[in-house]
Amino acid sequence: MTTTVVNGVNVQALLDAREVLKTSPEAARFVWRASSTWRKGVHSTTTIEKFFGLGAEQTHQAASVFEADHPAVFAADDNGITPIEYLLVGLASCLTAGVASVAQNRGIQLRSVESTVEGNHDIRGILGADSDVRNGFNDVKVTFSIDADASKAEIEALVAQSQKRSAVFDALTNPTSVTVEVA
C-alpha cells in the first residue's frame, strides 16, 4: 500500500517549471517590487501588488500591505514591526516554505513545521553612537522544530536543502548590489 504525502505543495508544477526555464532563461528573470509611503515619524506603509516575471507584468491575487514603525522604547508609535524584523519574516517564511517543498518532493509527510528566527542587533550603529558598530544584524540564528514521518538525519537534510535553495538566505548571506536613487 502506498501512502500519499500531502503537504500542500504542487511539486510537479515546480519541477515542470524548472525544466521549461532551463531552455527559456529570459522567462526566469523576475523583478519583485515594493512601494513605500512615509506616514509620520518613522512609520511607513509598504504595498506589494505587481511584479515582472515570465516575460510580462504580473499582479498578485490581492495587494499586501505592511506597516513598519519602531517600538515605543525607540520613542515611536509602534504601528508595526521594525524594517529589520521584516528581514526575519522573509527568512523564516522562505526557509519554512522550502522545508515543505523539499519534504513533498522527497515523499516525507509533515505534521508541523515551526521556525524561530532571532537576529542580534547592536543599535549603537543606527543611532550613530559608535562608528565601529554595523547598522545591521551582527548574526542571525534559525531554529526549526519539525514533526514529520522522517528520521532526524532526513529532517536535517530537508532544512539543509531548503537553506541551499532559499532566495532570502542567499540575499542575506551573500553580497547583493543595492542602488539607491533620488527621482
C-alpha atoms as a PDB file:
ATOM      1  CA  MET A   1       0.000   0.000   0.000  1.00  0.00           C
ATOM      2  CA  THR A   2       1.348   3.445  -0.968  1.00  0.00           C
ATOM      3  CA  THR A   3       0.749   6.389   1.329  1.00  0.00           C
ATOM      4  CA  THR A   4       0.179   9.710  -0.381  1.00  0.00           C
ATOM      5  CA  VAL A   5       2.108  12.609   1.112  1.00  0.00           C
ATOM      6  CA  VAL A   6       0.009  15.745   1.351  1.00  0.00           C
ATOM      7  CA  ASN A   7       1.949  18.824   2.421  1.00  0.00           C
ATOM      8  CA  GLY A   8       0.049  21.217   0.143  1.00  0.00           C
ATOM      9  CA  VAL A   9       2.896  21.838  -2.315  1.00  0.00           C
ATOM     10  CA  ASN A  10       2.436  21.232  -6.045  1.00  0.00           C
ATOM     11  CA  VAL A  11       5.945  19.898  -6.583  1.00  0.00           C
ATOM     12  CA  GLN A  12       5.186  18.632 -10.075  1.00  0.00           C
ATOM     13  CA  ALA A  13       4.366  22.166 -11.224  1.00  0.00           C
ATOM     14  CA  LEU A  14       7.669  23.391  -9.751  1.00  0.00           C
ATOM     15  CA  LEU A  15       9.629  20.592 -11.425  1.00  0.00           C
ATOM     16  CA  ASP A  16       7.872  21.263 -14.742  1.00  0.00           C
ATOM     17  CA  ALA A  17       8.675  24.986 -14.446  1.00  0.00           C
ATOM     18  CA  ARG A  18      12.305  24.173 -13.732  1.00  0.00           C
ATOM     19  CA  GLU A  19      12.539  22.136 -16.943  1.00  0.00           C
ATOM     20  CA  VAL A  20      10.881  24.858 -19.057  1.00  0.00           C
ATOM     21  CA  LEU A  21      13.118  27.579 -17.598  1.00  0.00           C
ATOM     22  CA  LYS A  22      16.257  25.595 -18.445  1.00  0.00           C
ATOM     23  CA  THR A  23      15.548  26.350 -22.119  1.00  0.00           C
ATOM     24  CA  SER A  24      13.953  29.792 -21.567  1.00  0.00           C
ATOM     25  CA  PRO A  25      16.223  31.607 -19.100  1.00  0.00           C
ATOM     26  CA  GLU A  26      14.760  35.012 -20.020  1.00  0.00           C
ATOM     27  CA  ALA A  27      11.410  33.889 -18.551  1.00  0.00           C
ATOM     28  CA  ALA A  28      13.152  33.161 -15.236  1.00  0.00           C
ATOM     29  CA  ARG A  29      14.101  36.805 -14.708  1.00  0.00           C
ATOM     30  CA  PHE A  30      11.724  38.291 -12.161  1.00  0.00           C
ATOM     31  CA  VAL A  31      11.561  41.801 -10.712  1.00  0.00           C
ATOM     32  CA  TRP A  32       9.860  41.998  -7.320  1.00  0.00           C
ATOM     33  CA  ARG A  33       8.578  45.418  -6.246  1.00  0.00           C
ATOM     34  CA  ALA A  34       7.550  47.142  -3.045  1.00  0.00           C
ATOM     35  CA  SER A  35       6.197  50.693  -2.834  1.00  0.00           C
ATOM     36  CA  SER A  36       6.542  52.520   0.473  1.00  0.00           C
ATOM     37  CA  THR A  37       4.877  55.719   1.710  1.00  0.00           C
ATOM     38  CA  TRP A  38       6.014  57.673   4.752  1.00  0.00           C
ATOM     39  CA  ARG A  39       3.181  58.308   7.228  1.00  0.00           C
ATOM     40  CA  LYS A  40       4.568  60.136  10.278  1.00  0.00           C
ATOM     41  CA  GLY A  41       7.645  59.887  12.434  1.00  0.00           C
ATOM     42  CA  VAL A  42       9.329  56.594  11.499  1.00  0.00           C
ATOM     43  CA  HIS A  43       6.053  54.945  10.402  1.00  0.00           C
ATOM     44  CA  SER A  44       5.651  53.884   6.776  1.00  0.00           C
ATOM     45  CA  THR A  45       3.223  51.738   4.815  1.00  0.00           C
ATOM     46  CA  THR A  46       4.512  49.434   2.104  1.00  0.00           C
ATOM     47  CA  THR A  47       2.348  47.808  -0.547  1.00  0.00           C
ATOM     48  CA  ILE A  48       3.250  44.865  -2.736  1.00  0.00           C
ATOM     49  CA  GLU A  49       0.964  44.124  -5.667  1.00  0.00           C
ATOM     50  CA  LYS A  50       2.719  43.898  -9.028  1.00  0.00           C
ATOM     51  CA  PHE A  51       5.852  42.158 -10.259  1.00  0.00           C
ATOM     52  CA  PHE A  52       7.500  41.223 -13.524  1.00  0.00           C
ATOM     53  CA  GLY A  53       8.018  37.568 -14.403  1.00  0.00           C
ATOM     54  CA  LEU A  54       7.671  35.022 -17.197  1.00  0.00           C
ATOM     55  CA  GLY A  55       8.323  37.867 -19.620  1.00  0.00           C
ATOM     56  CA  ALA A  56       5.344  40.004 -18.600  1.00  0.00           C
ATOM     57  CA  GLU A  57       3.868  42.182 -15.880  1.00  0.00           C
ATOM     58  CA  GLN A  58       2.061  40.115 -13.242  1.00  0.00           C
ATOM     59  CA  THR A  59      -0.335  41.016 -10.420  1.00  0.00           C
ATOM     60  CA  HIS A  60      -0.793  39.175  -7.123  1.00  0.00           C
ATOM     61  CA  GLN A  61      -4.341  37.989  -6.415  1.00  0.00           C
ATOM     62  CA  ALA A  62      -4.534  40.718  -3.771  1.00  0.00           C
ATOM     63  CA  ALA A  63      -2.264  43.566  -2.728  1.00  0.00           C
ATOM     64  CA  SER A  64      -0.427  43.022   0.552  1.00  0.00           C
ATOM     65  CA  VAL A  65       0.055  45.996   2.863  1.00  0.00           C
ATOM     66  CA  PHE A  66       2.724  46.134   5.551  1.00  0.00           C
ATOM     67  CA  GLU A  67       3.073  48.678   8.332  1.00  0.00           C
ATOM     68  CA  ALA A  68       6.586  49.428   9.578  1.00  0.00           C
ATOM     69  CA  ASP A  69       7.467  51.522  12.574  1.00  0.00           C
ATOM     70  CA  HIS A  70       9.638  51.327  15.647  1.00  0.00           C
ATOM     71  CA  PRO A  71       8.615  50.318  19.170  1.00  0.00           C
ATOM     72  CA  ALA A  72       7.755  52.754  21.938  1.00  0.00           C
ATOM     73  CA  VAL A  73      11.179  52.124  23.529  1.00  0.00           C
ATOM     74  CA  PHE A  74      12.587  53.921  20.433  1.00  0.00           C
ATOM     75  CA  ALA A  75      10.248  56.891  21.127  1.00  0.00           C
ATOM     76  CA  ALA A  76       7.972  55.841  18.235  1.00  0.00           C
ATOM     77  CA  ASP A  77       4.294  54.921  17.952  1.00  0.00           C
ATOM     78  CA  ASP A  78       4.785  51.154  17.359  1.00  0.00           C
ATOM     79  CA  ASN A  79       2.361  50.991  14.402  1.00  0.00           C
ATOM     80  CA  GLY A  80       4.115  47.900  13.042  1.00  0.00           C
ATOM     81  CA  ILE A  81       7.254  45.828  13.233  1.00  0.00           C
ATOM     82  CA  THR A  82      10.636  47.375  12.514  1.00  0.00           C
ATOM     83  CA  PRO A  83      12.009  47.151   8.980  1.00  0.00           C
ATOM     84  CA  ILE A  84      14.826  44.877  10.137  1.00  0.00           C
ATOM     85  CA  GLU A  85      12.247  42.489  11.636  1.00  0.00           C
ATOM     86  CA  TYR A  86      10.776  42.137   8.134  1.00  0.00           C
ATOM     87  CA  LEU A  87      14.086  40.508   7.180  1.00  0.00           C
ATOM     88  CA  LEU A  88      13.389  37.904   9.869  1.00  0.00           C
ATOM     89  CA  VAL A  89       9.861  37.406   8.482  1.00  0.00           C
ATOM     90  CA  GLY A  90      11.248  36.883   4.992  1.00  0.00           C
ATOM     91  CA  LEU A  91      13.898  34.422   6.128  1.00  0.00           C
ATOM     92  CA  ALA A  92      11.510  32.421   8.325  1.00  0.00           C
ATOM     93  CA  SER A  93       8.857  32.297   5.604  1.00  0.00           C
ATOM     94  CA  CYS A  94      11.260  31.325   2.848  1.00  0.00           C
ATOM     95  CA  LEU A  95      13.030  28.580   4.791  1.00  0.00           C
ATOM     96  CA  THR A  96       9.766  27.179   6.169  1.00  0.00           C
ATOM     97  CA  ALA A  97       8.189  27.069   2.700  1.00  0.00           C
ATOM     98  CA  GLY A  98      11.336  25.403   1.412  1.00  0.00           C
ATOM     99  CA  VAL A  99      11.092  22.669   4.040  1.00  0.00           C
ATOM    100  CA  ALA A 100       7.517  21.936   2.932  1.00  0.00           C
ATOM    101  CA  SER A 101       8.505  21.855  -0.745  1.00  0.00           C
ATOM    102  CA  VAL A 102      11.508  19.607  -0.234  1.00  0.00           C
ATOM    103  CA  ALA A 103       9.539  17.278   2.055  1.00  0.00           C
ATOM    104  CA  GLN A 104       6.788  16.942  -0.548  1.00  0.00           C
ATOM    105  CA  ASN A 105       9.349  16.196  -3.266  1.00  0.00           C
ATOM    106  CA  ARG A 106      11.045  13.569  -1.072  1.00  0.00           C
ATOM    107  CA  GLY A 107       7.772  11.941  -0.013  1.00  0.00           C
ATOM    108  CA  ILE A 108       8.033  12.978   3.631  1.00  0.00           C
ATOM    109  CA  GLN A 109       4.758  13.701   5.416  1.00  0.00           C
ATOM    110  CA  LEU A 110       4.945  16.759   7.652  1.00  0.00           C
ATOM    111  CA  ARG A 111       2.730  17.145  10.700  1.00  0.00           C
ATOM    112  CA  SER A 112       4.138  20.502  11.814  1.00  0.00           C
ATOM    113  CA  VAL A 113       6.962  22.883  10.990  1.00  0.00           C
ATOM    114  CA  GLU A 114       7.869  25.827  13.178  1.00  0.00           C
ATOM    115  CA  SER A 115      10.840  28.088  12.782  1.00  0.00           C
ATOM    116  CA  THR A 116      12.149  30.700  15.160  1.00  0.00           C
ATOM    117  CA  VAL A 117      14.488  33.337  13.792  1.00  0.00           C
ATOM    118  CA  GLU A 118      16.497  35.630  16.043  1.00  0.00           C
ATOM    119  CA  GLY A 119      18.678  38.499  14.917  1.00  0.00           C
ATOM    120  CA  ASN A 120      21.230  40.039  17.276  1.00  0.00           C
ATOM    121  CA  HIS A 121      21.399  43.764  16.676  1.00  0.00           C
ATOM    122  CA  ASP A 122      23.539  46.392  18.391  1.00  0.00           C
ATOM    123  CA  ILE A 123      21.565  49.589  17.736  1.00  0.00           C
ATOM    124  CA  ARG A 124      24.503  51.864  18.512  1.00  0.00           C
ATOM    125  CA  GLY A 125      25.304  51.631  14.786  1.00  0.00           C
ATOM    126  CA  ILE A 126      21.979  53.004  13.519  1.00  0.00           C
ATOM    127  CA  LEU A 127      21.978  55.673  16.229  1.00  0.00           C
ATOM    128  CA  GLY A 128      25.475  56.837  15.265  1.00  0.00           C
ATOM    129  CA  ALA A 129      26.700  56.212  18.814  1.00  0.00           C
ATOM    130  CA  ASP A 130      29.646  54.065  17.686  1.00  0.00           C
ATOM    131  CA  SER A 131      31.017  54.204  14.142  1.00  0.00           C
ATOM    132  CA  ASP A 132      32.657  50.783  14.595  1.00  0.00           C
ATOM    133  CA  VAL A 133      29.263  49.079  15.084  1.00  0.00           C
ATOM    134  CA  ARG A 134      27.495  47.996  11.904  1.00  0.00           C
ATOM    135  CA  ASN A 135      23.918  49.121  11.257  1.00  0.00           C
ATOM    136  CA  GLY A 136      22.504  45.652  10.579  1.00  0.00           C
ATOM    137  CA  PHE A 137      22.352  42.340  12.379  1.00  0.00           C
ATOM    138  CA  ASN A 138      25.539  41.003  13.926  1.00  0.00           C
ATOM    139  CA  ASP A 139      24.270  37.472  13.418  1.00  0.00           C
ATOM    140  CA  VAL A 140      21.038  35.595  12.770  1.00  0.00           C
ATOM    141  CA  LYS A 141      20.015  32.209  14.183  1.00  0.00           C
ATOM    142  CA  VAL A 142      17.250  29.987  12.778  1.00  0.00           C
ATOM    143  CA  THR A 143      15.889  27.100  14.851  1.00  0.00           C
ATOM    144  CA  PHE A 144      13.444  24.568  13.413  1.00  0.00           C
ATOM    145  CA  SER A 145      11.041  22.290  15.236  1.00  0.00           C
ATOM    146  CA  ILE A 146       9.720  19.739  12.752  1.00  0.00           C
ATOM    147  CA  ASP A 147       7.371  16.821  13.352  1.00  0.00           C
ATOM    148  CA  ALA A 148       7.430  14.505  10.340  1.00  0.00           C
ATOM    149  CA  ASP A 149       7.497  10.887   9.247  1.00  0.00           C
ATOM    150  CA  ALA A 150      11.265  11.042   8.919  1.00  0.00           C
ATOM    151  CA  SER A 151      14.482  10.402  10.821  1.00  0.00           C
ATOM    152  CA  LYS A 152      16.459  13.228  12.401  1.00  0.00           C
ATOM    153  CA  ALA A 153      19.012  12.932   9.572  1.00  0.00           C
ATOM    154  CA  GLU A 154      16.255  13.210   6.932  1.00  0.00           C
ATOM    155  CA  ILE A 155      14.805  16.270   8.683  1.00  0.00           C
ATOM    156  CA  GLU A 156      18.253  17.885   8.850  1.00  0.00           C
ATOM    157  CA  ALA A 157      18.639  17.189   5.120  1.00  0.00           C
ATOM    158  CA  LEU A 158      15.263  18.890   4.445  1.00  0.00           C
ATOM    159  CA  VAL A 159      16.432  22.005   6.281  1.00  0.00           C
ATOM    160  CA  ALA A 160      19.821  21.963   4.534  1.00  0.00           C
ATOM    161  CA  GLN A 161      18.198  21.741   1.082  1.00  0.00           C
ATOM    162  CA  SER A 162      15.728  24.498   1.989  1.00  0.00           C
ATOM    163  CA  GLN A 163      18.641  26.697   3.045  1.00  0.00           C
ATOM    164  CA  LYS A 164      20.512  25.870  -0.178  1.00  0.00           C
ATOM    165  CA  ARG A 165      17.565  26.977  -2.363  1.00  0.00           C
ATOM    166  CA  SER A 166      16.333  29.934  -0.274  1.00  0.00           C
ATOM    167  CA  ALA A 167      16.405  33.269  -2.099  1.00  0.00           C
ATOM    168  CA  VAL A 168      16.204  35.150   1.199  1.00  0.00           C
ATOM    169  CA  PHE A 169      19.002  33.150   2.839  1.00  0.00           C
ATOM    170  CA  ASP A 170      21.129  33.828  -0.238  1.00  0.00           C
ATOM    171  CA  ALA A 171      20.352  37.569  -0.210  1.00  0.00           C
ATOM    172  CA  LEU A 172      21.266  37.823   3.490  1.00  0.00           C
ATOM    173  CA  THR A 173      24.457  35.760   3.339  1.00  0.00           C
ATOM    174  CA  ASN A 174      25.943  36.902   0.018  1.00  0.00           C
ATOM    175  CA  PRO A 175      26.738  40.398  -1.217  1.00  0.00           C
ATOM    176  CA  THR A 176      23.814  41.897  -3.118  1.00  0.00           C
ATOM    177  CA  SER A 177      24.148  45.042  -5.189  1.00  0.00           C
ATOM    178  CA  VAL A 178      21.759  47.719  -3.898  1.00  0.00           C
ATOM    179  CA  THR A 179      21.332  51.016  -5.763  1.00  0.00           C
ATOM    180  CA  VAL A 180      19.579  53.960  -4.097  1.00  0.00           C
ATOM    181  CA  GLU A 181      18.482  56.858  -6.313  1.00  0.00           C
ATOM    182  CA  VAL A 182      16.548  60.080  -5.927  1.00  0.00           C
ATOM    183  CA  ALA A 183      13.984  60.703  -8.684  1.00  0.00           C
END
